[in-house]
Amino acid sequence: MIEQNRLNAYHIMWLFVFFDLPTNIKKERKAAARFRKDLLQDGFTMMQYSVYVRHCASKESAEVHIKRIKGCVPEKGKVSILRITDKQYGDIMNYWGIKEEPLPEGPKQLEIF
């Protein structure tokens, strides 16, 4: 019964990472590029240039990824993390021009870590 509750749309999480990082000098550009690379290596996908998203199988998994993000935030700039349920994510509306596009399909298999 407990395992069944863990898989419902209110326990599965999505993480959004929004950021605005300075890129005026070489050191800042390098830090911003490193942060993006770290997000990609941690399983995030780029939704927009400064918005990355990741599916997490549980709240506990989301906490692990949040901790990793906190560990690689650059010295300067702003980073925001938003955690939402799979149910909330299902209500997202995406538009390219005036045409609404459906959500890409979520992961088909469970993450086992």
PDB file of N, CA and C in Angstrom:
ATOM      1  N   MET A   1       0.823  -1.203   0.000  1.00  0.00           N
ATOM      2  CA  MET A   1       0.000   0.000   0.000  1.00  0.00           C
ATOM      3  C   MET A   1       0.861   1.259   0.000  1.00  0.00           C
ATOM      4  N   ILE A   2       1.922   1.274   0.813  1.00  0.00           N
ATOM      5  CA  ILE A   2       2.803   2.442   0.869  1.00  0.00           C
ATOM      6  C   ILE A   2       3.461   2.673  -0.489  1.00  0.00           C
ATOM      7  N   GLU A   3       3.938   1.593  -1.125  1.00  0.00           N
ATOM      8  CA  GLU A   3       4.589   1.717  -2.433  1.00  0.00           C
ATOM      9  C   GLU A   3       3.635   2.324  -3.451  1.00  0.00           C
ATOM     10  N   GLN A   4       2.364   1.952  -3.415  1.00  0.00           N
ATOM     11  CA  GLN A   4       1.378   2.476  -4.343  1.00  0.00           C
ATOM     12  C   GLN A   4       1.208   3.985  -4.145  1.00  0.00           C
ATOM     13  N   ASN A   5       1.195   4.457  -2.913  1.00  0.00           N
ATOM     14  CA  ASN A   5       1.058   5.886  -2.638  1.00  0.00           C
ATOM     15  C   ASN A   5       2.246   6.679  -3.157  1.00  0.00           C
ATOM     16  N   ARG A   6       3.438   6.082  -3.140  1.00  0.00           N
ATOM     17  CA  ARG A   6       4.645   6.786  -3.580  1.00  0.00           C
ATOM     18  C   ARG A   6       4.601   7.079  -5.075  1.00  0.00           C
ATOM     19  N   LEU A   7       3.817   6.331  -5.836  1.00  0.00           N
ATOM     20  CA  LEU A   7       3.810   6.481  -7.283  1.00  0.00           C
ATOM     21  C   LEU A   7       2.679   7.357  -7.797  1.00  0.00           C
ATOM     22  N   ASN A   8       1.881   7.932  -6.929  1.00  0.00           N
ATOM     23  CA  ASN A   8       0.788   8.736  -7.441  1.00  0.00           C
ATOM     24  C   ASN A   8       1.272  10.120  -7.847  1.00  0.00           C
ATOM     25  N   ALA A   9       0.433  10.842  -8.560  1.00  0.00           N
ATOM     26  CA  ALA A   9       0.808  12.126  -9.159  1.00  0.00           C
ATOM     27  C   ALA A   9       1.084  13.229  -8.143  1.00  0.00           C
ATOM     28  N   TYR A  10       0.791  12.983  -6.885  1.00  0.00           N
ATOM     29  CA  TYR A  10       1.078  13.993  -5.862  1.00  0.00           C
ATOM     30  C   TYR A  10       2.404  13.741  -5.166  1.00  0.00           C
ATOM     31  N   HIS A  11       3.009  12.582  -5.381  1.00  0.00           N
ATOM     32  CA  HIS A  11       4.286  12.254  -4.756  1.00  0.00           C
ATOM     33  C   HIS A  11       5.447  12.364  -5.741  1.00  0.00           C
ATOM     34  N   ILE A  12       5.154  12.161  -7.028  1.00  0.00           N
ATOM     35  CA  ILE A  12       6.174  12.334  -8.059  1.00  0.00           C
ATOM     36  C   ILE A  12       6.385  13.837  -8.225  1.00  0.00           C
ATOM     37  N   MET A  13       7.637  14.258  -8.311  1.00  0.00           N
ATOM     38  CA  MET A  13       7.957  15.684  -8.320  1.00  0.00           C
ATOM     39  C   MET A  13       8.656  16.097  -9.615  1.00  0.00           C
ATOM     40  N   TRP A  14       8.539  17.371  -9.915  1.00  0.00           N
ATOM     41  CA  TRP A  14       9.297  18.000 -10.989  1.00  0.00           C
ATOM     42  C   TRP A  14      10.056  19.165 -10.369  1.00  0.00           C
ATOM     43  N   LEU A  15      11.310  19.304 -10.741  1.00  0.00           N
ATOM     44  CA  LEU A  15      12.117  20.432 -10.277  1.00  0.00           C
ATOM     45  C   LEU A  15      12.366  21.379 -11.437  1.00  0.00           C
ATOM     46  N   PHE A  16      12.138  22.639 -11.186  1.00  0.00           N
ATOM     47  CA  PHE A  16      12.484  23.691 -12.137  1.00  0.00           C
ATOM     48  C   PHE A  16      13.616  24.496 -11.528  1.00  0.00           C
ATOM     49  N   VAL A  17      14.614  24.807 -12.327  1.00  0.00           N
ATOM     50  CA  VAL A  17      15.699  25.672 -11.891  1.00  0.00           C
ATOM     51  C   VAL A  17      15.711  26.867 -12.834  1.00  0.00           C
ATOM     52  N   PHE A  18      15.500  28.046 -12.263  1.00  0.00           N
ATOM     53  CA  PHE A  18      15.515  29.300 -13.010  1.00  0.00           C
ATOM     54  C   PHE A  18      16.758  30.066 -12.575  1.00  0.00           C
ATOM     55  N   PHE A  19      17.454  30.667 -13.515  1.00  0.00           N
ATOM     56  CA  PHE A  19      18.634  31.404 -13.097  1.00  0.00           C
ATOM     57  C   PHE A  19      18.929  32.576 -14.024  1.00  0.00           C
ATOM     58  N   ASP A  20      19.566  33.564 -13.432  1.00  0.00           N
ATOM     59  CA  ASP A  20      20.043  34.732 -14.141  1.00  0.00           C
ATOM     60  C   ASP A  20      21.471  34.951 -13.660  1.00  0.00           C
ATOM     61  N   LEU A  21      22.420  34.545 -14.473  1.00  0.00           N
ATOM     62  CA  LEU A  21      23.820  34.601 -14.085  1.00  0.00           C
ATOM     63  C   LEU A  21      24.566  35.635 -14.919  1.00  0.00           C
ATOM     64  N   PRO A  22      25.452  36.395 -14.291  1.00  0.00           N
ATOM     65  CA  PRO A  22      26.210  37.391 -15.058  1.00  0.00           C
ATOM     66  C   PRO A  22      27.186  36.711 -16.013  1.00  0.00           C
ATOM     67  N   THR A  23      27.392  37.359 -17.163  1.00  0.00           N
ATOM     68  CA  THR A  23      28.322  36.823 -18.164  1.00  0.00           C
ATOM     69  C   THR A  23      29.171  37.944 -18.762  1.00  0.00           C
ATOM     70  N   ASN A  24      29.477  38.946 -17.953  1.00  0.00           N
ATOM     71  CA  ASN A  24      30.214  40.108 -18.448  1.00  0.00           C
ATOM     72  C   ASN A  24      31.697  39.833 -18.673  1.00  0.00           C
ATOM     73  N   ILE A  25      32.286  39.043 -17.816  1.00  0.00           N
ATOM     74  CA  ILE A  25      33.708  38.741 -17.960  1.00  0.00           C
ATOM     75  C   ILE A  25      33.896  37.239 -18.143  1.00  0.00           C
ATOM     76  N   LYS A  26      35.085  36.862 -18.585  1.00  0.00           N
ATOM     77  CA  LYS A  26      35.365  35.453 -18.897  1.00  0.00           C
ATOM     78  C   LYS A  26      35.094  34.527 -17.712  1.00  0.00           C
ATOM     79  N   LYS A  27      35.493  34.940 -16.523  1.00  0.00           N
ATOM     80  CA  LYS A  27      35.289  34.119 -15.321  1.00  0.00           C
ATOM     81  C   LYS A  27      33.794  33.860 -15.077  1.00  0.00           C
ATOM     82  N   GLU A  28      32.954  34.884 -15.281  1.00  0.00           N
ATOM     83  CA  GLU A  28      31.500  34.736 -15.089  1.00  0.00           C
ATOM     84  C   GLU A  28      30.902  33.833 -16.163  1.00  0.00           C
ATOM     85  N   ARG A  29      31.341  33.990 -17.411  1.00  0.00           N
ATOM     86  CA  ARG A  29      30.844  33.136 -18.495  1.00  0.00           C
ATOM     87  C   ARG A  29      31.192  31.670 -18.225  1.00  0.00           C
ATOM     88  N   LYS A  30      32.395  31.456 -17.748  1.00  0.00           N
ATOM     89  CA  LYS A  30      32.844  30.097 -17.441  1.00  0.00           C
ATOM     90  C   LYS A  30      32.006  29.492 -16.301  1.00  0.00           C
ATOM     91  N   ALA A  31      31.725  30.286 -15.268  1.00  0.00           N
ATOM     92  CA  ALA A  31      30.908  29.817 -14.136  1.00  0.00           C
ATOM     93  C   ALA A  31      29.486  29.498 -14.590  1.00  0.00           C
ATOM     94  N   ALA A  32      28.922  30.345 -15.457  1.00  0.00           N
ATOM     95  CA  ALA A  32      27.563  30.107 -15.962  1.00  0.00           C
ATOM     96  C   ALA A  32      27.517  28.838 -16.808  1.00  0.00           C
ATOM     97  N   ALA A  33      28.522  28.650 -17.661  1.00  0.00           N
ATOM     98  CA  ALA A  33      28.583  27.446 -18.505  1.00  0.00           C
ATOM     99  C   ALA A  33      28.744  26.193 -17.634  1.00  0.00           C
ATOM    100  N   ARG A  34      29.557  26.296 -16.602  1.00  0.00           N
ATOM    101  CA  ARG A  34      29.770  25.165 -15.686  1.00  0.00           C
ATOM    102  C   ARG A  34      28.462  24.798 -14.978  1.00  0.00           C
ATOM    103  N   PHE A  35      27.699  25.814 -14.548  1.00  0.00           N
ATOM    104  CA  PHE A  35      26.430  25.569 -13.863  1.00  0.00           C
ATOM    105  C   PHE A  35      25.458  24.843 -14.798  1.00  0.00           C
ATOM    106  N   ARG A  36      25.358  25.302 -16.036  1.00  0.00           N
ATOM    107  CA  ARG A  36      24.481  24.632 -17.010  1.00  0.00           C
ATOM    108  C   ARG A  36      24.923  23.187 -17.228  1.00  0.00           C
ATOM    109  N   LYS A  37      26.221  22.980 -17.356  1.00  0.00           N
ATOM    110  CA  LYS A  37      26.754  21.634 -17.566  1.00  0.00           C
ATOM    111  C   LYS A  37      26.445  20.736 -16.357  1.00  0.00           C
ATOM    112  N   ASP A  38      26.586  21.280 -15.158  1.00  0.00           N
ATOM    113  CA  ASP A  38      26.264  20.515 -13.943  1.00  0.00           C
ATOM    114  C   ASP A  38      24.799  20.103 -13.933  1.00  0.00           C
ATOM    115  N   LEU A  39      23.910  21.010 -14.337  1.00  0.00           N
ATOM    116  CA  LEU A  39      22.478  20.682 -14.389  1.00  0.00           C
ATOM    117  C   LEU A  39      22.222  19.544 -15.382  1.00  0.00           C
ATOM    118  N   LEU A  40      22.832  19.633 -16.557  1.00  0.00           N
ATOM    119  CA  LEU A  40      22.649  18.587 -17.566  1.00  0.00           C
ATOM    120  C   LEU A  40      23.183  17.244 -17.066  1.00  0.00           C
ATOM    121  N   GLN A  41      24.329  17.258 -16.401  1.00  0.00           N
ATOM    122  CA  GLN A  41      24.905  16.017 -15.877  1.00  0.00           C
ATOM    123  C   GLN A  41      24.049  15.415 -14.769  1.00  0.00           C
ATOM    124  N   ASP A  42      23.246  16.246 -14.107  1.00  0.00           N
ATOM    125  CA  ASP A  42      22.369  15.757 -13.039  1.00  0.00           C
ATOM    126  C   ASP A  42      20.988  15.367 -13.577  1.00  0.00           C
ATOM    127  N   GLY A  43      20.840  15.297 -14.901  1.00  0.00           N
ATOM    128  CA  GLY A  43      19.590  14.811 -15.481  1.00  0.00           C
ATOM    129  C   GLY A  43      18.563  15.875 -15.815  1.00  0.00           C
ATOM    130  N   PHE A  44      18.922  17.139 -15.726  1.00  0.00           N
ATOM    131  CA  PHE A  44      18.000  18.215 -16.088  1.00  0.00           C
ATOM    132  C   PHE A  44      17.989  18.389 -17.602  1.00  0.00           C
ATOM    133  N   THR A  45      16.873  18.893 -18.115  1.00  0.00           N
ATOM    134  CA  THR A  45      16.793  19.249 -19.524  1.00  0.00           C
ATOM    135  C   THR A  45      16.495  20.726 -19.637  1.00  0.00           C
ATOM    136  N   MET A  46      17.018  21.331 -20.689  1.00  0.00           N
ATOM    137  CA  MET A  46      16.806  22.760 -20.871  1.00  0.00           C
ATOM    138  C   MET A  46      15.412  22.984 -21.452  1.00  0.00           C
ATOM    139  N   MET A  47      14.600  23.748 -20.733  1.00  0.00           N
ATOM    140  CA  MET A  47      13.268  24.106 -21.209  1.00  0.00           C
ATOM    141  C   MET A  47      13.355  25.431 -21.971  1.00  0.00           C
ATOM    142  N   GLN A  48      14.109  26.356 -21.427  1.00  0.00           N
ATOM    143  CA  GLN A  48      14.475  27.613 -22.062  1.00  0.00           C
ATOM    144  C   GLN A  48      15.915  27.864 -21.660  1.00  0.00           C
ATOM    145  N   TYR A  49      16.536  28.901 -22.197  1.00  0.00           N
ATOM    146  CA  TYR A  49      17.965  29.092 -21.959  1.00  0.00           C
ATOM    147  C   TYR A  49      18.324  29.133 -20.478  1.00  0.00           C
ATOM    148  N   SER A  50      17.537  29.777 -19.653  1.00  0.00           N
ATOM    149  CA  SER A  50      17.843  29.862 -18.219  1.00  0.00           C
ATOM    150  C   SER A  50      16.803  29.153 -17.364  1.00  0.00           C
ATOM    151  N   VAL A  51      16.130  28.171 -17.951  1.00  0.00           N
ATOM    152  CA  VAL A  51      15.134  27.371 -17.231  1.00  0.00           C
ATOM    153  C   VAL A  51      15.388  25.906 -17.544  1.00  0.00           C
ATOM    154  N   TYR A  52      15.669  25.141 -16.505  1.00  0.00           N
ATOM    155  CA  TYR A  52      15.922  23.713 -16.657  1.00  0.00           C
ATOM    156  C   TYR A  52      14.913  22.945 -15.805  1.00  0.00           C
ATOM    157  N   VAL A  53      14.552  21.749 -16.247  1.00  0.00           N
ATOM    158  CA  VAL A  53      13.539  20.956 -15.556  1.00  0.00           C
ATOM    159  C   VAL A  53      14.010  19.505 -15.430  1.00  0.00           C
ATOM    160  N   ARG A  54      13.551  18.864 -14.339  1.00  0.00           N
ATOM    161  CA  ARG A  54      13.918  17.467 -14.101  1.00  0.00           C
ATOM    162  C   ARG A  54      12.795  16.731 -13.395  1.00  0.00           C
ATOM    163  N   HIS A  55      12.539  15.516 -13.839  1.00  0.00           N
ATOM    164  CA  HIS A  55      11.565  14.622 -13.207  1.00  0.00           C
ATOM    165  C   HIS A  55      12.238  13.916 -12.037  1.00  0.00           C
ATOM    166  N   CYS A  56      11.540  13.824 -10.913  1.00  0.00           N
ATOM    167  CA  CYS A  56      12.038  13.091  -9.746  1.00  0.00           C
ATOM    168  C   CYS A  56      10.949  12.129  -9.294  1.00  0.00           C
ATOM    169  N   ALA A  57      11.318  10.910  -9.008  1.00  0.00           N
ATOM    170  CA  ALA A  57      10.355   9.865  -8.662  1.00  0.00           C
ATOM    171  C   ALA A  57       9.694  10.078  -7.301  1.00  0.00           C
ATOM    172  N   SER A  58      10.304  10.909  -6.442  1.00  0.00           N
ATOM    173  CA  SER A  58       9.752  11.109  -5.103  1.00  0.00           C
ATOM    174  C   SER A  58      10.237  12.438  -4.527  1.00  0.00           C
ATOM    175  N   LYS A  59       9.650  12.818  -3.407  1.00  0.00           N
ATOM    176  CA  LYS A  59      10.100  14.022  -2.705  1.00  0.00           C
ATOM    177  C   LYS A  59      11.539  13.856  -2.232  1.00  0.00           C
ATOM    178  N   GLU A  60      11.868  12.650  -1.800  1.00  0.00           N
ATOM    179  CA  GLU A  60      13.223  12.383  -1.315  1.00  0.00           C
ATOM    180  C   GLU A  60      14.254  12.541  -2.438  1.00  0.00           C
ATOM    181  N   SER A  61      13.907  12.044  -3.609  1.00  0.00           N
ATOM    182  CA  SER A  61      14.782  12.188  -4.769  1.00  0.00           C
ATOM    183  C   SER A  61      14.948  13.670  -5.125  1.00  0.00           C
ATOM    184  N   ALA A  62      13.867  14.422  -5.060  1.00  0.00           N
ATOM    185  CA  ALA A  62      13.923  15.862  -5.342  1.00  0.00           C
ATOM    186  C   ALA A  62      14.870  16.559  -4.368  1.00  0.00           C
ATOM    187  N   GLU A  63      14.815  16.177  -3.105  1.00  0.00           N
ATOM    188  CA  GLU A  63      15.700  16.779  -2.098  1.00  0.00           C
ATOM    189  C   GLU A  63      17.172  16.521  -2.407  1.00  0.00           C
ATOM    190  N   VAL A  64      17.476  15.330  -2.895  1.00  0.00           N
ATOM    191  CA  VAL A  64      18.855  14.993  -3.269  1.00  0.00           C
ATOM    192  C   VAL A  64      19.335  15.928  -4.378  1.00  0.00           C
ATOM    193  N   HIS A  65      18.490  16.142  -5.378  1.00  0.00           N
ATOM    194  CA  HIS A  65      18.873  16.996  -6.503  1.00  0.00           C
ATOM    195  C   HIS A  65      18.946  18.467  -6.096  1.00  0.00           C
ATOM    196  N   ILE A  66      18.075  18.891  -5.211  1.00  0.00           N
ATOM    197  CA  ILE A  66      18.133  20.266  -4.704  1.00  0.00           C
ATOM    198  C   ILE A  66      19.459  20.496  -3.984  1.00  0.00           C
ATOM    199  N   LYS A  67      19.867  19.523  -3.204  1.00  0.00           N
ATOM    200  CA  LYS A  67      21.138  19.624  -2.482  1.00  0.00           C
ATOM    201  C   LYS A  67      22.311  19.744  -3.469  1.00  0.00           C
ATOM    202  N   ARG A  68      22.262  18.969  -4.553  1.00  0.00           N
ATOM    203  CA  ARG A  68      23.319  19.033  -5.566  1.00  0.00           C
ATOM    204  C   ARG A  68      23.362  20.407  -6.226  1.00  0.00           C
ATOM    205  N   ILE A  69      22.192  20.953  -6.528  1.00  0.00           N
ATOM    206  CA  ILE A  69      22.126  22.278  -7.160  1.00  0.00           C
ATOM    207  C   ILE A  69      22.733  23.317  -6.228  1.00  0.00           C
ATOM    208  N   LYS A  70      22.349  23.272  -4.967  1.00  0.00           N
ATOM    209  CA  LYS A  70      22.888  24.233  -3.995  1.00  0.00           C
ATOM    210  C   LYS A  70      24.409  24.169  -3.946  1.00  0.00           C
ATOM    211  N   GLY A  71      24.962  22.992  -4.157  1.00  0.00           N
ATOM    212  CA  GLY A  71      26.405  22.821  -4.111  1.00  0.00           C
ATOM    213  C   GLY A  71      27.150  23.360  -5.319  1.00  0.00           C
ATOM    214  N   CYS A  72      26.439  23.680  -6.395  1.00  0.00           N
ATOM    215  CA  CYS A  72      27.139  24.162  -7.596  1.00  0.00           C
ATOM    216  C   CYS A  72      26.673  25.554  -8.037  1.00  0.00           C
ATOM    217  N   VAL A  73      25.953  26.266  -7.180  1.00  0.00           N
ATOM    218  CA  VAL A  73      25.515  27.624  -7.515  1.00  0.00           C
ATOM    219  C   VAL A  73      26.740  28.541  -7.612  1.00  0.00           C
ATOM    220  N   PRO A  74      26.855  29.297  -8.715  1.00  0.00           N
ATOM    221  CA  PRO A  74      27.998  30.214  -8.863  1.00  0.00           C
ATOM    222  C   PRO A  74      27.998  31.325  -7.813  1.00  0.00           C
ATOM    223  N   GLU A  75      29.160  31.961  -7.652  1.00  0.00           N
ATOM    224  CA  GLU A  75      29.318  33.046  -6.671  1.00  0.00           C
ATOM    225  C   GLU A  75      28.336  34.183  -6.884  1.00  0.00           C
ATOM    226  N   LYS A  76      28.126  34.546  -8.149  1.00  0.00           N
ATOM    227  CA  LYS A  76      27.274  35.690  -8.475  1.00  0.00           C
ATOM    228  C   LYS A  76      26.060  35.231  -9.266  1.00  0.00           C
ATOM    229  N   GLY A  77      25.014  36.048  -9.220  1.00  0.00           N
ATOM    230  CA  GLY A  77      23.805  35.750  -9.972  1.00  0.00           C
ATOM    231  C   GLY A  77      22.693  35.251  -9.073  1.00  0.00           C
ATOM    232  N   LYS A  78      21.592  34.898  -9.697  1.00  0.00           N
ATOM    233  CA  LYS A  78      20.412  34.453  -8.953  1.00  0.00           C
ATOM    234  C   LYS A  78      19.974  33.090  -9.473  1.00  0.00           C
ATOM    235  N   VAL A  79      19.717  32.170  -8.560  1.00  0.00           N
ATOM    236  CA  VAL A  79      19.224  30.837  -8.900  1.00  0.00           C
ATOM    237  C   VAL A  79      17.992  30.578  -8.049  1.00  0.00           C
ATOM    238  N   SER A  80      16.905  30.169  -8.690  1.00  0.00           N
ATOM    239  CA  SER A  80      15.673  29.820  -7.980  1.00  0.00           C
ATOM    240  C   SER A  80      15.306  28.386  -8.323  1.00  0.00           C
ATOM    241  N   ILE A  81      14.808  27.658  -7.319  1.00  0.00           N
ATOM    242  CA  ILE A  81      14.390  26.270  -7.520  1.00  0.00           C
ATOM    243  C   ILE A  81      12.910  26.172  -7.148  1.00  0.00           C
ATOM    244  N   LEU A  82      12.138  25.587  -8.050  1.00  0.00           N
ATOM    245  CA  LEU A  82      10.711  25.382  -7.809  1.00  0.00           C
ATOM    246  C   LEU A  82      10.427  23.897  -7.884  1.00  0.00           C
ATOM    247  N   ARG A  83       9.778  23.368  -6.851  1.00  0.00           N
ATOM    248  CA  ARG A  83       9.404  21.959  -6.809  1.00  0.00           C
ATOM    249  C   ARG A  83       7.892  21.883  -6.924  1.00  0.00           C
ATOM    250  N   ILE A  84       7.399  21.116  -7.891  1.00  0.00           N
ATOM    251  CA  ILE A  84       5.950  20.945  -8.047  1.00  0.00           C
ATOM    252  C   ILE A  84       5.634  19.456  -8.214  1.00  0.00           C
ATOM    253  N   THR A  85       4.383  19.110  -7.977  1.00  0.00           N
ATOM    254  CA  THR A  85       3.970  17.713  -8.129  1.00  0.00           C
ATOM    255  C   THR A  85       3.741  17.396  -9.601  1.00  0.00           C
ATOM    256  N   ASP A  86       3.737  16.105  -9.909  1.00  0.00           N
ATOM    257  CA  ASP A  86       3.455  15.661 -11.269  1.00  0.00           C
ATOM    258  C   ASP A  86       2.062  16.106 -11.693  1.00  0.00           C
ATOM    259  N   LYS A  87       1.149  16.108 -10.755  1.00  0.00           N
ATOM    260  CA  LYS A  87      -0.224  16.546 -11.034  1.00  0.00           C
ATOM    261  C   LYS A  87      -0.239  18.014 -11.476  1.00  0.00           C
ATOM    262  N   GLN A  88       0.499  18.873 -10.762  1.00  0.00           N
ATOM    263  CA  GLN A  88       0.576  20.281 -11.138  1.00  0.00           C
ATOM    264  C   GLN A  88       1.269  20.453 -12.480  1.00  0.00           C
ATOM    265  N   TYR A  89       2.329  19.689 -12.708  1.00  0.00           N
ATOM    266  CA  TYR A  89       3.062  19.771 -13.973  1.00  0.00           C
ATOM    267  C   TYR A  89       2.157  19.409 -15.153  1.00  0.00           C
ATOM    268  N   GLY A  90       1.230  18.498 -14.910  1.00  0.00           N
ATOM    269  CA  GLY A  90       0.299  18.081 -15.957  1.00  0.00           C
ATOM    270  C   GLY A  90      -0.594  19.200 -16.449  1.00  0.00           C
ATOM    271  N   ASP A  91      -0.709  20.280 -15.700  1.00  0.00           N
ATOM    272  CA  ASP A  91      -1.548  21.418 -16.097  1.00  0.00           C
ATOM    273  C   ASP A  91      -0.787  22.492 -16.872  1.00  0.00           C
ATOM    274  N   ILE A  92       0.486  22.261 -17.156  1.00  0.00           N
ATOM    275  CA  ILE A  92       1.280  23.269 -17.853  1.00  0.00           C
ATOM    276  C   ILE A  92       0.753  23.479 -19.276  1.00  0.00           C
ATOM    277  N   MET A  93       0.805  24.700 -19.741  1.00  0.00           N
ATOM    278  CA  MET A  93       0.414  25.023 -21.109  1.00  0.00           C
ATOM    279  C   MET A  93       1.632  25.606 -21.814  1.00  0.00           C
ATOM    280  N   ASN A  94       2.018  25.011 -22.930  1.00  0.00           N
ATOM    281  CA  ASN A  94       3.164  25.468 -23.707  1.00  0.00           C
ATOM    282  C   ASN A  94       2.681  26.006 -25.042  1.00  0.00           C
ATOM    283  N   TYR A  95       3.176  27.170 -25.428  1.00  0.00           N
ATOM    284  CA  TYR A  95       2.815  27.779 -26.700  1.00  0.00           C
ATOM    285  C   TYR A  95       4.070  28.114 -27.491  1.00  0.00           C
ATOM    286  N   TRP A  96       4.056  27.780 -28.735  1.00  0.00           N
ATOM    287  CA  TRP A  96       5.093  28.194 -29.666  1.00  0.00           C
ATOM    288  C   TRP A  96       4.365  29.018 -30.716  1.00  0.00           C
ATOM    289  N   GLY A  97       4.546  30.351 -30.641  1.00  0.00           N
ATOM    290  CA  GLY A  97       3.719  31.224 -31.454  1.00  0.00           C
ATOM    291  C   GLY A  97       2.312  31.174 -30.881  1.00  0.00           C
ATOM    292  N   ILE A  98       1.318  31.031 -31.708  1.00  0.00           N
ATOM    293  CA  ILE A  98      -0.064  30.987 -31.218  1.00  0.00           C
ATOM    294  C   ILE A  98      -0.578  29.556 -31.071  1.00  0.00           C
ATOM    295  N   LYS A  99       0.245  28.588 -31.480  1.00  0.00           N
ATOM    296  CA  LYS A  99      -0.167  27.190 -31.439  1.00  0.00           C
ATOM    297  C   LYS A  99       0.229  26.550 -30.110  1.00  0.00           C
ATOM    298  N   GLU A 100      -0.727  25.923 -29.449  1.00  0.00           N
ATOM    299  CA  GLU A 100      -0.423  25.206 -28.208  1.00  0.00           C
ATOM    300  C   GLU A 100       0.187  23.861 -28.549  1.00  0.00           C
ATOM    301  N   GLU A 101       1.263  23.520 -27.839  1.00  0.00           N
ATOM    302  CA  GLU A 101       1.946  22.247 -28.042  1.00  0.00           C
ATOM    303  C   GLU A 101       1.700  21.354 -26.830  1.00  0.00           C
ATOM    304  N   PRO A 102       1.442  20.061 -27.048  1.00  0.00           N
ATOM    305  CA  PRO A 102       1.245  19.163 -25.903  1.00  0.00           C
ATOM    306  C   PRO A 102       2.559  18.947 -25.157  1.00  0.00           C
ATOM    307  N   LEU A 103       2.429  18.538 -23.899  1.00  0.00           N
ATOM    308  CA  LEU A 103       3.607  18.212 -23.095  1.00  0.00           C
ATOM    309  C   LEU A 103       4.323  17.016 -23.696  1.00  0.00           C
ATOM    310  N   PRO A 104       5.645  17.027 -23.652  1.00  0.00           N
ATOM    311  CA  PRO A 104       6.339  15.799 -24.040  1.00  0.00           C
ATOM    312  C   PRO A 104       6.022  14.717 -23.010  1.00  0.00           C
ATOM    313  N   GLU A 105       6.035  13.483 -23.445  1.00  0.00           N
ATOM    314  CA  GLU A 105       5.733  12.397 -22.515  1.00  0.00           C
ATOM    315  C   GLU A 105       6.770  12.293 -21.428  1.00  0.00           C
ATOM    316  N   GLY A 106       6.328  12.015 -20.202  1.00  0.00           N
ATOM    317  CA  GLY A 106       7.228  11.853 -19.072  1.00  0.00           C
ATOM    318  C   GLY A 106       7.966  10.529 -19.145  1.00  0.00           C
ATOM    319  N   PRO A 107       8.848  10.312 -18.229  1.00  0.00           N
ATOM    320  CA  PRO A 107       9.607   9.054 -18.210  1.00  0.00           C
ATOM    321  C   PRO A 107       8.686   7.844 -18.103  1.00  0.00           C
ATOM    322  N   LYS A 108       9.031   6.794 -18.808  1.00  0.00           N
ATOM    323  CA  LYS A 108       8.224   5.576 -18.819  1.00  0.00           C
ATOM    324  C   LYS A 108       8.631   4.594 -17.718  1.00  0.00           C
ATOM    325  N   GLN A 109       9.827   4.748 -17.194  1.00  0.00           N
ATOM    326  CA  GLN A 109      10.267   3.799 -16.178  1.00  0.00           C
ATOM    327  C   GLN A 109      10.588   4.506 -14.876  1.00  0.00           C
ATOM    328  N   LEU A 110      10.548   3.766 -13.819  1.00  0.00           N
ATOM    329  CA  LEU A 110      10.878   4.310 -12.509  1.00  0.00           C
ATOM    330  C   LEU A 110      12.365   4.513 -12.375  1.00  0.00           C
ATOM    331  N   GLU A 111      12.733   5.537 -11.623  1.00  0.00           N
ATOM    332  CA  GLU A 111      14.142   5.731 -11.299  1.00  0.00           C
ATOM    333  C   GLU A 111      14.451   4.885 -10.078  1.00  0.00           C
ATOM    334  N   ILE A 112      15.516   4.132 -10.143  1.00  0.00           N
ATOM    335  CA  ILE A 112      15.895   3.311  -9.005  1.00  0.00           C
ATOM    336  C   ILE A 112      17.305   3.711  -8.593  1.00  0.00           C
ATOM    337  N   PHE A 113      17.385   4.325  -7.416  1.00  0.00           N
ATOM    338  CA  PHE A 113      18.675   4.788  -6.911  1.00  0.00           C
ATOM    339  C   PHE A 113      18.856   4.307  -5.505  1.00  0.00           C
TER     340      PHE A 113
END
